[in-house]
Amino acid sequence: MNTVDKIINYFSPHSGLKRSMARLQEDAVRTFANSGYSESGASRTKKSMKGWTAKSKSPQEDIDKNLDTLRQRSRDLYMSAPLATSAIKTNRTNVVGSGLKLKARIDFEYLGITREQADKWEMNTEREFGLWAESVWCDTLRLNNFYELQQLALMSWLMNGDGFGLIKQDAPSNWMPYSLRIHLIESDRVCTPNAVYRAASFLPSRVNVLGVNTNNKNPIYNGVEVDKASGAVVAYWVCNQYPNSNFKGITKDWTRVEAFGEKTGNPNILHLMEQERCEQYRGVPYLAPVIECLKQITRYTEATLTAAVVQSFFTAFIKSEVPGGDGLFGSTVPREEQVEDDSDNEVSYELGAGTINVLRPGEDVEFGEPKQPTAQFDAFVSAMAKYTGAALEIPYELLIKSFMASYSASRAALLEAWKAFRMRRTWFANDFCQPVYELWLSEAVARGRINAPGFFNDPAKKKAWCKADWNGPSPGQIDPVKEVQAATLRVQEGYSTRERETIELTGGDWDKNIVQVARENELKQKAFPANNQMNKTNSEGADTNG
């Protein structure tokens, strides 16, 4: 068929009908196939989506295989990036502060005792718990008391993705009647036995996160052994040192620590983590979603700072055709402060404030003039800090500790931040403080130092005896007068209690405050009897007039 025939055939009615039918069929197939998210987030035909290839697999493949890299980068940011340091320390300060304090709350009605008896038991138990918690003997390493261990455990959780507390026992002594000890370890030491780790810091991570317990055939995911049938956590594998440590002379060895005691059901190891996905056994560092952003901000800040420092230097370069002319002026930079020496007959030139360098014949110096956006530095960093804070659930004002907005805006930012702080405080108290307290109380009852009838006979009674609140630092007030007035109204209307408002406003203990106020009033009456009599007379006169 020649070209003319092809053209005639293309424009013939028969060919046109075939093309129309084909288009209708194609449209019908597209309409049937592309429905719902096919034309939005799942589209593979839009130009903006064609190059987006996202493949998510199991939590072990997506998370565990990348944990080593995430941990190293998270720690590096904490040590070198101010925003990263602020994010972790802001959580530390607001979630636990100086430590979450015990407030016993036994279910006295179920236990069949009076409120007065319960108050006495709670005060005695809190006093006895302080004997253990306020001593460094509660720490296996004897470095921190229980409240300082809380700070360390929370920071380890945030920085590394999870933290671990080994439950150990030591012999009681005359000064410490309890044997309970807590040994905090970082997440690196909980790992799969006999895995292959990177040989040097510049090599990529080569960690085999999957293993098998040869005795019972249970799978081990990054040091966490789970039951092969149910998937429940049954044990943790703890290495005697950091797996990628370069210390020589220590043979790596793993110890299998059962998650719970077979006879008591008490935990043998405390695992602190925040789960993102179902069937996830290891935690992700708190900074993981913003690692790239924080690193780029740090690089940008360092480059801008360096450029500003270099531009501030006043350095003169003198060209001379006279041999040996460099002795006329010399350099104002002392030899011991120079970056490079002039050994091997090589001359180095230094930049500095008021520095004079004499060039050798034939030498010249040229400086590049990069366009440093110093004028936009603050606006850019502030914008990036807002995005970072949003991902970390920390408002921009709190992240950079700058409150320049109105009272309403600042208060709204603090309230939003405290939603996240309270959530983490609840998790931390449930996963660390409360289990430790229950272990301590069990030992105290067993040793006869605390009387709790039925504690070991009925799990329901044990729970009733172990009930407690863990109180930490308060949110603080932007306008204390308004905050106190609002608290007073809440108490008057029954929306809250004096005890709860005392905790929220100052982090104090209302019961102890009342005792202390009564004592202070008594001392005041003894110290100023004349003023007390005058106040009494004025009060009686006011009542009579009324």
Protein backbone atom coordinates (compact mmCIF):
# COMPACT_ATOMS: atom_id res chain seq x y z
CA MET A 1 0.00 0.00 0.00
CA ASN A 2 1.49 3.32 -1.12
CA THR A 3 1.40 6.56 0.91
CA VAL A 4 -1.69 7.93 -0.81
CA ASP A 5 -3.65 4.73 -0.13
CA LYS A 6 -2.55 4.84 3.55
CA ILE A 7 -3.81 8.40 3.91
CA ILE A 8 -7.13 7.56 2.25
CA ASN A 9 -7.49 4.47 4.42
CA TYR A 10 -6.72 6.45 7.62
CA PHE A 11 -9.47 9.00 6.93
CA SER A 12 -12.00 6.45 5.75
CA PRO A 13 -15.23 6.13 7.81
CA HIS A 14 -14.39 2.54 8.68
CA SER A 15 -10.98 3.44 10.14
CA GLY A 16 -12.47 6.37 12.03
CA LEU A 17 -15.08 4.10 13.58
CA LYS A 18 -12.40 1.63 14.68
CA ARG A 19 -10.36 4.40 16.32
CA SER A 20 -13.42 5.70 18.17
CA MET A 21 -14.28 2.23 19.45
CA ALA A 22 -10.70 1.71 20.64
CA ARG A 23 -10.74 5.03 22.53
CA LEU A 24 -14.05 4.18 24.16
CA GLN A 25 -12.73 0.80 25.21
CA GLU A 26 -9.53 2.37 26.63
CA ASP A 27 -11.53 4.96 28.54
CA ALA A 28 -13.78 2.23 29.92
CA VAL A 29 -10.79 0.20 31.13
CA ARG A 30 -9.18 3.31 32.69
CA THR A 31 -12.44 4.27 34.39
CA PHE A 32 -12.78 0.76 35.80
CA ALA A 33 -9.15 0.45 36.94
CA ASN A 34 -8.47 3.98 38.22
CA SER A 35 -10.85 4.46 41.10
CA GLY A 36 -10.51 5.90 44.58
CA TYR A 37 -6.87 6.63 45.41
CA SER A 38 -5.78 5.60 41.92
CA GLU A 39 -6.23 9.20 40.83
CA SER A 40 -4.59 10.73 43.92
CA GLY A 41 -2.09 9.29 46.37
CA ALA A 42 -1.78 5.93 44.57
CA SER A 43 -1.62 7.31 41.03
CA ARG A 44 1.07 5.89 38.77
CA THR A 45 0.22 8.04 35.76
CA LYS A 46 0.46 11.59 37.11
CA LYS A 47 3.77 13.27 36.41
CA SER A 48 4.18 14.24 40.06
CA MET A 49 3.75 10.59 41.14
CA LYS A 50 5.56 8.58 38.44
CA GLY A 51 8.96 8.88 40.09
CA TRP A 52 7.70 8.14 43.58
CA THR A 53 8.50 4.52 44.34
CA ALA A 54 7.58 3.65 47.92
CA LYS A 55 8.02 0.11 49.17
CA SER A 56 7.28 -0.72 52.77
CA LYS A 57 7.85 -4.19 54.16
CA SER A 58 7.70 -5.74 57.63
CA PRO A 59 8.67 -3.71 60.71
CA GLN A 60 11.80 -5.82 61.02
CA GLU A 61 12.88 -5.00 57.46
CA ASP A 62 11.88 -1.34 57.56
CA ILE A 63 13.08 -0.58 61.09
CA ASP A 64 15.45 -3.16 62.55
CA LYS A 65 17.85 -3.26 59.60
CA ASN A 66 18.28 0.52 59.80
CA LEU A 67 18.40 0.93 63.57
CA ASP A 68 22.19 0.95 63.89
CA THR A 69 22.52 3.83 61.44
CA LEU A 70 19.60 5.72 62.99
CA ARG A 71 21.08 5.40 66.48
CA GLN A 72 24.54 6.60 65.45
CA ARG A 73 23.12 9.60 63.62
CA SER A 74 20.71 10.41 66.43
CA ARG A 75 23.55 10.44 68.96
CA ASP A 76 25.70 12.55 66.66
CA LEU A 77 22.91 15.12 66.31
CA TYR A 78 22.41 15.22 70.07
CA MET A 79 26.11 16.00 70.50
CA SER A 80 26.43 18.50 67.64
CA ALA A 81 23.04 19.95 66.64
CA PRO A 82 21.53 22.51 69.05
CA LEU A 83 17.95 21.88 67.92
CA ALA A 84 18.34 18.13 68.45
CA THR A 85 19.79 18.70 71.92
CA SER A 86 16.93 21.05 72.75
CA ALA A 87 14.30 18.55 71.57
CA ILE A 88 15.59 15.72 73.77
CA LYS A 89 16.40 17.82 76.82
CA THR A 90 13.07 19.65 76.63
CA ASN A 91 11.32 16.28 76.85
CA ARG A 92 13.62 15.21 79.70
CA THR A 93 12.97 18.38 81.69
CA ASN A 94 9.20 18.41 81.24
CA VAL A 95 8.38 14.69 81.29
CA VAL A 96 10.38 13.65 84.37
CA GLY A 97 12.27 16.77 85.50
CA SER A 98 14.05 15.97 88.74
CA GLY A 99 12.19 12.64 88.83
CA LEU A 100 8.62 11.39 89.08
CA LYS A 101 7.61 11.17 92.74
CA LEU A 102 5.57 8.36 94.26
CA LYS A 103 2.09 9.08 95.60
CA ALA A 104 0.57 5.87 96.95
CA ARG A 105 -3.15 5.46 96.13
CA ILE A 106 -4.27 2.15 97.58
CA ASP A 107 -7.85 0.96 97.06
CA PHE A 108 -8.72 1.08 100.77
CA GLU A 109 -12.42 0.30 100.24
CA TYR A 110 -11.63 -2.99 98.49
CA LEU A 111 -8.99 -3.80 101.10
CA GLY A 112 -11.49 -3.20 103.91
CA ILE A 113 -9.65 -0.46 105.78
CA THR A 114 -10.62 3.09 106.69
CA ARG A 115 -9.47 6.25 104.98
CA GLU A 116 -7.41 7.20 108.05
CA GLN A 117 -5.69 3.81 108.05
CA ALA A 118 -5.01 4.15 104.32
CA ASP A 119 -3.49 7.62 104.80
CA LYS A 120 -1.18 6.30 107.50
CA TRP A 121 -0.16 3.28 105.38
CA GLU A 122 0.52 5.47 102.34
CA MET A 123 2.67 7.94 104.29
CA ASN A 124 4.69 5.12 105.84
CA THR A 125 5.16 3.40 102.48
CA GLU A 126 6.29 6.59 100.76
CA ARG A 127 8.77 7.20 103.57
CA GLU A 128 10.09 3.64 103.31
CA PHE A 129 10.31 3.83 99.50
CA GLY A 130 12.41 6.99 99.87
CA LEU A 131 14.97 4.96 101.85
CA TRP A 132 15.62 2.90 98.72
CA ALA A 133 14.87 5.41 95.95
CA GLU A 134 16.94 8.29 97.31
CA SER A 135 20.07 6.17 97.65
CA VAL A 136 22.64 5.32 94.98
CA TRP A 137 22.47 1.75 96.27
CA CYS A 138 19.38 1.25 94.13
CA ASP A 139 21.68 1.52 91.10
CA THR A 140 23.83 -1.47 90.20
CA LEU A 141 26.63 0.91 89.20
CA ARG A 142 26.09 3.03 92.36
CA LEU A 143 26.12 6.25 90.37
CA ASN A 144 22.52 7.50 90.50
CA ASN A 145 19.51 7.33 92.74
CA PHE A 146 16.14 6.23 91.38
CA TYR A 147 15.09 9.72 90.31
CA GLU A 148 18.33 10.30 88.43
CA LEU A 149 17.95 6.89 86.81
CA GLN A 150 14.60 8.07 85.47
CA GLN A 151 16.25 10.97 83.64
CA LEU A 152 18.89 8.69 82.16
CA ALA A 153 16.35 6.06 81.13
CA LEU A 154 14.14 8.61 79.37
CA MET A 155 17.02 10.20 77.47
CA SER A 156 18.29 6.78 76.43
CA TRP A 157 14.80 5.90 75.18
CA LEU A 158 14.50 9.10 73.13
CA MET A 159 18.03 9.10 71.75
CA ASN A 160 18.34 5.40 70.89
CA GLY A 161 14.74 4.40 70.24
CA ASP A 162 14.44 2.22 73.31
CA GLY A 163 16.07 1.70 76.67
CA PHE A 164 16.48 -1.27 78.98
CA GLY A 165 16.61 -1.70 82.73
CA LEU A 166 17.92 -5.02 84.03
CA ILE A 167 16.40 -6.16 87.32
CA LYS A 168 19.16 -7.46 89.59
CA GLN A 169 19.55 -8.50 93.21
CA ASP A 170 22.35 -7.74 95.65
CA ALA A 171 22.93 -8.70 99.25
CA PRO A 172 21.24 -6.35 101.76
CA SER A 173 23.46 -4.41 104.13
CA ASN A 174 23.13 -2.52 107.40
CA TRP A 175 22.54 0.72 105.51
CA MET A 176 20.39 -0.74 102.71
CA PRO A 177 17.90 -3.42 103.79
CA TYR A 178 16.71 -4.05 100.22
CA SER A 179 18.35 -6.23 97.57
CA LEU A 180 16.58 -4.75 94.50
CA ARG A 181 18.95 -3.10 92.02
CA ILE A 182 18.40 -1.45 88.62
CA HIS A 183 21.02 -1.67 85.87
CA LEU A 184 20.37 0.58 82.87
CA ILE A 185 21.90 -0.43 79.53
CA GLU A 186 21.71 1.16 76.10
CA SER A 187 19.80 -0.44 73.28
CA ASP A 188 22.95 -1.49 71.38
CA ARG A 189 23.71 -4.24 73.87
CA VAL A 190 20.40 -5.99 73.24
CA CYS A 191 21.13 -7.62 69.89
CA THR A 192 21.04 -10.89 68.01
CA PRO A 193 23.85 -13.25 69.08
CA ASN A 194 26.71 -13.90 66.68
CA ALA A 195 25.55 -11.20 64.27
CA VAL A 196 28.10 -9.60 61.94
CA TYR A 197 28.78 -5.96 62.81
CA ARG A 198 30.66 -3.32 60.90
CA ALA A 199 34.42 -3.59 61.20
CA ALA A 200 35.13 0.14 60.96
CA SER A 201 33.22 3.38 61.34
CA PHE A 202 33.55 4.28 57.66
CA LEU A 203 32.03 0.99 56.49
CA PRO A 204 28.29 0.53 56.06
CA SER A 205 26.42 -1.29 58.78
CA ARG A 206 26.27 -5.05 58.24
CA VAL A 207 24.03 -6.28 61.04
CA ASN A 208 22.16 -9.54 60.77
CA VAL A 209 19.12 -8.68 62.87
CA LEU A 210 17.41 -12.04 62.45
CA GLY A 211 18.46 -15.10 64.41
CA VAL A 212 17.08 -18.32 65.87
CA ASN A 213 17.33 -19.84 69.32
CA THR A 214 18.74 -23.26 68.51
CA ASN A 215 17.23 -24.79 71.66
CA ASN A 216 13.57 -23.96 71.09
CA LYS A 217 13.61 -22.66 67.48
CA ASN A 218 12.15 -19.30 68.53
CA PRO A 219 13.02 -16.44 66.18
CA ILE A 220 15.17 -13.58 67.49
CA TYR A 221 14.49 -10.12 66.08
CA ASN A 222 17.36 -7.74 66.86
CA GLY A 223 17.96 -9.31 70.24
CA VAL A 224 14.31 -9.87 71.14
CA GLU A 225 13.29 -13.53 71.24
CA VAL A 226 9.61 -14.14 70.52
CA ASP A 227 7.49 -17.24 70.78
CA LYS A 228 7.35 -18.94 67.39
CA ALA A 229 3.64 -19.69 67.78
CA SER A 230 2.13 -16.56 69.35
CA GLY A 231 4.80 -13.93 68.65
CA ALA A 232 4.88 -12.92 72.33
CA VAL A 233 8.18 -11.62 73.74
CA VAL A 234 9.79 -14.34 75.87
CA ALA A 235 13.41 -13.24 76.30
CA TYR A 236 16.08 -10.66 75.50
CA TRP A 237 19.65 -11.37 74.44
CA VAL A 238 22.12 -9.02 76.15
CA CYS A 239 25.73 -8.70 75.00
CA ASN A 240 28.45 -8.18 77.63
CA GLN A 241 29.73 -5.14 75.70
CA TYR A 242 28.79 -2.88 72.82
CA PRO A 243 28.78 -5.12 69.71
CA ASN A 244 30.58 -2.58 67.52
CA SER A 245 33.07 -1.55 70.20
CA ASN A 246 36.76 -1.52 69.26
CA PHE A 247 38.00 -2.55 72.71
CA LYS A 248 40.27 -5.57 72.41
CA GLY A 249 40.79 -8.38 74.85
CA ILE A 250 37.09 -8.82 75.66
CA THR A 251 35.30 -11.73 74.05
CA LYS A 252 31.74 -10.93 73.09
CA ASP A 253 29.25 -13.08 74.92
CA TRP A 254 25.45 -13.02 75.06
CA THR A 255 23.20 -13.76 78.02
CA ARG A 256 19.59 -14.80 77.57
CA VAL A 257 17.37 -12.88 79.99
CA GLU A 258 13.83 -14.16 80.25
CA ALA A 259 11.28 -11.37 79.99
CA PHE A 260 9.30 -12.55 83.05
CA GLY A 261 10.01 -14.78 86.01
CA GLU A 262 8.55 -18.25 85.59
CA LYS A 263 7.28 -18.49 89.20
CA THR A 264 6.41 -14.87 90.00
CA GLY A 265 5.50 -13.33 86.63
CA ASN A 266 7.60 -10.30 87.61
CA PRO A 267 9.65 -8.64 84.86
CA ASN A 268 13.35 -9.47 84.71
CA ILE A 269 14.05 -6.64 82.28
CA LEU A 270 12.21 -3.40 81.60
CA HIS A 271 11.88 -2.38 77.96
CA LEU A 272 11.10 1.28 77.22
CA MET A 273 9.96 2.05 73.70
CA GLU A 274 7.28 3.76 71.65
CA GLN A 275 5.71 1.50 69.04
CA GLU A 276 4.91 2.82 65.58
CA ARG A 277 3.65 -0.37 63.97
CA CYS A 278 2.07 -3.64 64.99
CA GLU A 279 4.45 -6.52 65.73
CA GLN A 280 7.31 -4.06 66.15
CA TYR A 281 9.80 -5.25 68.78
CA ARG A 282 12.38 -2.45 68.77
CA GLY A 283 11.88 1.28 69.07
CA VAL A 284 12.85 4.05 66.65
CA PRO A 285 14.93 7.04 67.84
CA TYR A 286 12.87 10.11 68.63
CA LEU A 287 14.79 12.20 66.07
CA ALA A 288 14.49 9.65 63.22
CA PRO A 289 11.83 11.55 61.17
CA VAL A 290 13.89 14.78 61.21
CA ILE A 291 17.46 13.48 61.04
CA GLU A 292 18.06 14.78 57.52
CA CYS A 293 16.44 18.13 58.25
CA LEU A 294 18.45 18.67 61.44
CA LYS A 295 21.71 17.72 59.75
CA GLN A 296 21.11 20.14 56.89
CA ILE A 297 20.23 22.93 59.32
CA THR A 298 23.47 22.23 61.20
CA ARG A 299 25.52 22.33 57.99
CA TYR A 300 23.84 25.54 56.89
CA THR A 301 24.45 27.14 60.28
CA GLU A 302 28.12 26.12 60.30
CA ALA A 303 28.66 27.40 56.75
CA THR A 304 26.99 30.74 57.53
CA LEU A 305 28.97 31.11 60.73
CA THR A 306 32.26 30.33 58.96
CA ALA A 307 31.47 32.81 56.19
CA ALA A 308 30.66 35.50 58.75
CA VAL A 309 33.91 34.87 60.63
CA VAL A 310 36.01 34.94 57.45
CA GLN A 311 34.34 38.15 56.27
CA SER A 312 35.06 39.77 59.63
CA PHE A 313 38.80 39.24 59.27
CA PHE A 314 40.85 42.20 58.14
CA THR A 315 43.81 40.60 56.40
CA ALA A 316 46.33 42.41 54.21
CA PHE A 317 48.44 40.78 51.51
CA ILE A 318 51.52 42.73 50.43
CA LYS A 319 53.17 42.04 47.09
CA SER A 320 56.90 42.63 47.01
CA GLU A 321 59.47 42.27 44.24
CA VAL A 322 62.30 42.49 46.76
CA PRO A 323 63.68 39.11 47.83
CA GLY A 324 63.40 38.64 51.55
CA GLY A 325 60.91 41.48 51.84
CA ASP A 326 58.69 39.38 54.05
CA GLY A 327 60.74 40.51 57.04
CA LEU A 328 59.44 44.06 56.73
CA PHE A 329 56.09 43.31 58.25
CA GLY A 330 55.90 39.66 59.23
CA SER A 331 52.66 38.08 60.40
CA THR A 332 50.56 39.10 63.37
CA VAL A 333 49.54 35.47 63.93
CA PRO A 334 51.87 33.86 66.49
CA ARG A 335 53.65 30.77 65.24
CA GLU A 336 52.09 28.56 67.93
CA GLU A 337 48.60 29.68 66.85
CA GLN A 338 49.09 29.13 63.13
CA VAL A 339 47.01 26.41 61.49
CA GLU A 340 49.91 25.19 59.32
CA ASP A 341 53.63 25.49 59.91
CA ASP A 342 56.14 26.56 57.28
CA SER A 343 58.18 23.37 57.39
CA ASP A 344 59.62 21.80 54.24
CA ASN A 345 60.21 25.29 52.82
CA GLU A 346 56.49 25.77 52.32
CA VAL A 347 55.06 29.14 53.21
CA SER A 348 51.56 29.24 54.73
CA TYR A 349 49.37 32.32 54.91
CA GLU A 350 46.94 32.84 57.76
CA LEU A 351 43.65 34.70 57.94
CA GLY A 352 42.97 36.66 61.10
CA ALA A 353 41.98 39.97 62.58
CA GLY A 354 44.61 42.54 61.53
CA THR A 355 46.87 39.93 59.95
CA ILE A 356 49.53 41.01 57.43
CA ASN A 357 50.95 38.45 55.00
CA VAL A 358 53.81 39.25 52.61
CA LEU A 359 53.54 37.33 49.36
CA ARG A 360 56.56 36.01 47.53
CA PRO A 361 57.38 37.35 44.07
CA GLY A 362 54.95 36.07 41.48
CA GLU A 363 52.28 35.11 44.02
CA ASP A 364 48.82 36.54 44.11
CA VAL A 365 45.69 35.93 46.20
CA GLU A 366 42.11 35.84 44.96
CA PHE A 367 39.02 35.29 47.11
CA GLY A 368 35.71 33.91 45.95
CA GLU A 369 32.66 35.87 46.95
CA PRO A 370 29.87 33.36 47.64
CA LYS A 371 26.44 34.83 48.09
CA GLN A 372 25.80 34.02 51.73
CA PRO A 373 22.10 34.61 52.52
CA THR A 374 22.88 36.04 55.96
CA ALA A 375 19.92 38.39 55.72
CA GLN A 376 17.56 35.42 55.45
CA PHE A 377 19.37 33.23 57.98
CA ASP A 378 17.03 33.82 60.93
CA ALA A 379 13.87 33.49 58.85
CA PHE A 380 15.05 30.27 57.22
CA VAL A 381 16.22 28.60 60.42
CA SER A 382 13.02 29.65 62.19
CA ALA A 383 10.90 28.15 59.42
CA MET A 384 12.82 24.87 59.54
CA ALA A 385 12.58 24.83 63.34
CA LYS A 386 8.80 25.10 63.04
CA TYR A 387 8.65 22.09 60.72
CA THR A 388 10.99 20.13 62.98
CA GLY A 389 8.98 21.02 66.07
CA ALA A 390 5.75 19.95 64.42
CA ALA A 391 7.17 16.50 63.70
CA LEU A 392 8.52 16.16 67.26
CA GLU A 393 5.34 17.50 68.91
CA ILE A 394 7.23 20.45 70.37
CA PRO A 395 5.99 23.94 69.46
CA TYR A 396 8.52 26.24 67.86
CA GLU A 397 8.54 28.62 70.84
CA LEU A 398 9.37 25.84 73.27
CA LEU A 399 11.94 24.21 70.97
CA ILE A 400 14.06 27.36 70.68
CA LYS A 401 13.01 28.77 74.10
CA SER A 402 11.77 32.05 72.66
CA PHE A 403 8.33 33.35 73.66
CA MET A 404 7.73 36.49 71.62
CA ALA A 405 4.05 35.92 70.81
CA SER A 406 0.99 37.03 72.74
CA TYR A 407 -0.16 35.48 76.01
CA SER A 408 -2.88 33.47 74.24
CA ALA A 409 -0.53 32.14 71.57
CA SER A 410 2.20 31.22 74.06
CA ARG A 411 -0.29 29.51 76.36
CA ALA A 412 -1.79 27.58 73.43
CA ALA A 413 1.71 26.41 72.45
CA LEU A 414 2.47 25.22 75.99
CA LEU A 415 -0.85 23.42 76.32
CA GLU A 416 -0.26 21.62 73.03
CA ALA A 417 3.24 20.60 74.08
CA TRP A 418 2.00 19.29 77.41
CA LYS A 419 -0.37 16.91 75.70
CA ALA A 420 2.68 15.08 74.36
CA PHE A 421 4.63 15.44 77.61
CA ARG A 422 1.81 13.96 79.68
CA MET A 423 1.41 11.10 77.22
CA ARG A 424 5.12 10.23 77.47
CA ARG A 425 5.03 10.66 81.23
CA THR A 426 2.17 8.15 81.44
CA TRP A 427 4.03 5.68 79.25
CA PHE A 428 7.24 6.12 81.21
CA ALA A 429 5.50 5.72 84.56
CA ASN A 430 3.67 2.60 83.38
CA ASP A 431 6.74 0.97 81.83
CA PHE A 432 9.45 1.97 84.32
CA CYS A 433 8.37 3.62 87.58
CA GLN A 434 5.34 1.46 88.42
CA PRO A 435 7.02 -1.93 87.70
CA VAL A 436 10.02 -0.92 89.83
CA TYR A 437 7.72 0.20 92.65
CA GLU A 438 5.79 -3.07 92.55
CA LEU A 439 9.04 -5.05 92.69
CA TRP A 440 10.24 -2.97 95.63
CA LEU A 441 6.90 -3.25 97.46
CA SER A 442 6.90 -7.03 96.98
CA GLU A 443 10.31 -7.21 98.61
CA ALA A 444 9.27 -4.80 101.39
CA VAL A 445 6.22 -6.91 102.22
CA ALA A 446 8.22 -10.14 102.05
CA ARG A 447 10.82 -8.76 104.44
CA GLY A 448 8.13 -7.58 106.83
CA ARG A 449 8.97 -3.88 106.59
CA ILE A 450 5.55 -3.11 105.09
CA ASN A 451 2.33 -4.73 106.30
CA ALA A 452 -0.02 -5.61 103.42
CA PRO A 453 -2.39 -8.51 104.28
CA GLY A 454 -3.26 -10.76 101.34
CA PHE A 455 -0.53 -9.26 99.13
CA PHE A 456 0.84 -12.61 97.92
CA ASN A 457 -2.41 -14.57 98.16
CA ASP A 458 -4.68 -12.68 95.78
CA PRO A 459 -3.54 -10.82 92.63
CA ALA A 460 -6.49 -8.42 93.00
CA LYS A 461 -5.37 -7.45 96.51
CA LYS A 462 -1.80 -7.06 95.33
CA LYS A 463 -2.98 -4.65 92.67
CA ALA A 464 -5.03 -2.74 95.25
CA TRP A 465 -1.97 -2.37 97.50
CA CYS A 466 0.26 -1.33 94.56
CA LYS A 467 -1.90 1.46 93.15
CA ALA A 468 0.03 4.71 92.88
CA ASP A 469 0.35 7.99 91.02
CA TRP A 470 3.62 9.37 89.69
CA ASN A 471 3.80 13.15 89.78
CA GLY A 472 6.38 15.23 87.97
CA PRO A 473 7.09 18.86 87.12
CA SER A 474 4.13 21.16 86.47
CA PRO A 475 3.58 23.01 83.17
CA GLY A 476 4.28 26.36 84.83
CA GLN A 477 2.31 29.55 84.36
CA ILE A 478 2.62 32.43 81.94
CA ASP A 479 0.25 34.55 84.05
CA PRO A 480 0.20 33.04 87.58
CA VAL A 481 -2.72 35.18 88.79
CA LYS A 482 -5.02 33.97 86.01
CA GLU A 483 -3.87 30.38 86.47
CA VAL A 484 -4.59 30.43 90.23
CA GLN A 485 -7.98 32.07 89.72
CA ALA A 486 -8.93 29.41 87.16
CA ALA A 487 -7.76 26.65 89.50
CA THR A 488 -9.83 28.11 92.35
CA LEU A 489 -12.95 28.16 90.19
CA ARG A 490 -12.41 24.57 89.07
CA VAL A 491 -12.17 23.44 92.69
CA GLN A 492 -15.24 25.45 93.74
CA GLU A 493 -17.35 23.98 90.95
CA GLY A 494 -16.12 20.46 91.60
CA TYR A 495 -14.33 20.09 88.23
CA SER A 496 -11.06 19.37 90.02
CA THR A 497 -9.59 18.92 93.50
CA ARG A 498 -7.14 20.93 95.56
CA GLU A 499 -4.69 18.06 95.38
CA ARG A 500 -4.85 17.85 91.60
CA GLU A 501 -4.54 21.62 91.17
CA THR A 502 -1.55 21.71 93.53
CA ILE A 503 0.18 19.11 91.38
CA GLU A 504 -0.67 20.93 88.14
CA LEU A 505 0.33 24.40 89.37
CA THR A 506 3.46 23.71 91.39
CA GLY A 507 4.09 19.96 91.29
CA GLY A 508 3.71 19.92 95.09
CA ASP A 509 1.83 17.74 97.57
CA TRP A 510 -1.36 19.32 98.96
CA ASP A 511 -1.45 17.06 102.03
CA LYS A 512 2.08 18.05 103.03
CA ASN A 513 1.34 21.68 102.23
CA ILE A 514 -1.61 21.73 104.63
CA VAL A 515 0.50 20.27 107.44
CA GLN A 516 3.25 22.78 106.78
CA VAL A 517 0.83 25.75 106.58
CA ALA A 518 -0.77 24.76 109.89
CA ARG A 519 2.69 24.61 111.48
CA GLU A 520 3.64 28.00 110.04
CA ASN A 521 0.40 29.58 111.27
CA GLU A 522 1.05 28.20 114.74
CA LEU A 523 4.58 29.63 114.76
CA LYS A 524 3.26 32.95 113.46
CA GLN A 525 0.70 33.15 116.28
CA LYS A 526 3.44 32.55 118.83
CA ALA A 527 5.78 35.08 117.26
CA PHE A 528 3.21 37.90 116.76
CA PRO A 529 0.52 37.61 119.51
CA ALA A 530 -0.39 41.33 119.35
CA ASN A 531 -1.09 41.21 115.61
CA ASN A 532 -3.15 38.07 116.04
CA GLN A 533 -5.30 39.75 118.75
CA MET A 534 -5.80 42.81 116.55
CA ASN A 535 -6.80 40.66 113.58
CA LYS A 536 -9.23 38.76 115.81
CA THR A 537 -10.83 42.02 117.06
CA ASN A 538 -11.19 43.37 113.53
CA SER A 539 -12.75 40.10 112.42
CA GLU A 540 -15.28 40.16 115.28
CA GLY A 541 -16.17 43.78 114.53
CA ALA A 542 -16.73 42.99 110.90
CA ASP A 543 -19.01 40.11 111.85
CA THR A 544 -21.04 42.38 114.21
CA ASN A 545 -21.47 45.07 111.57
CA GLY A 546 -22.51 42.45 109.09
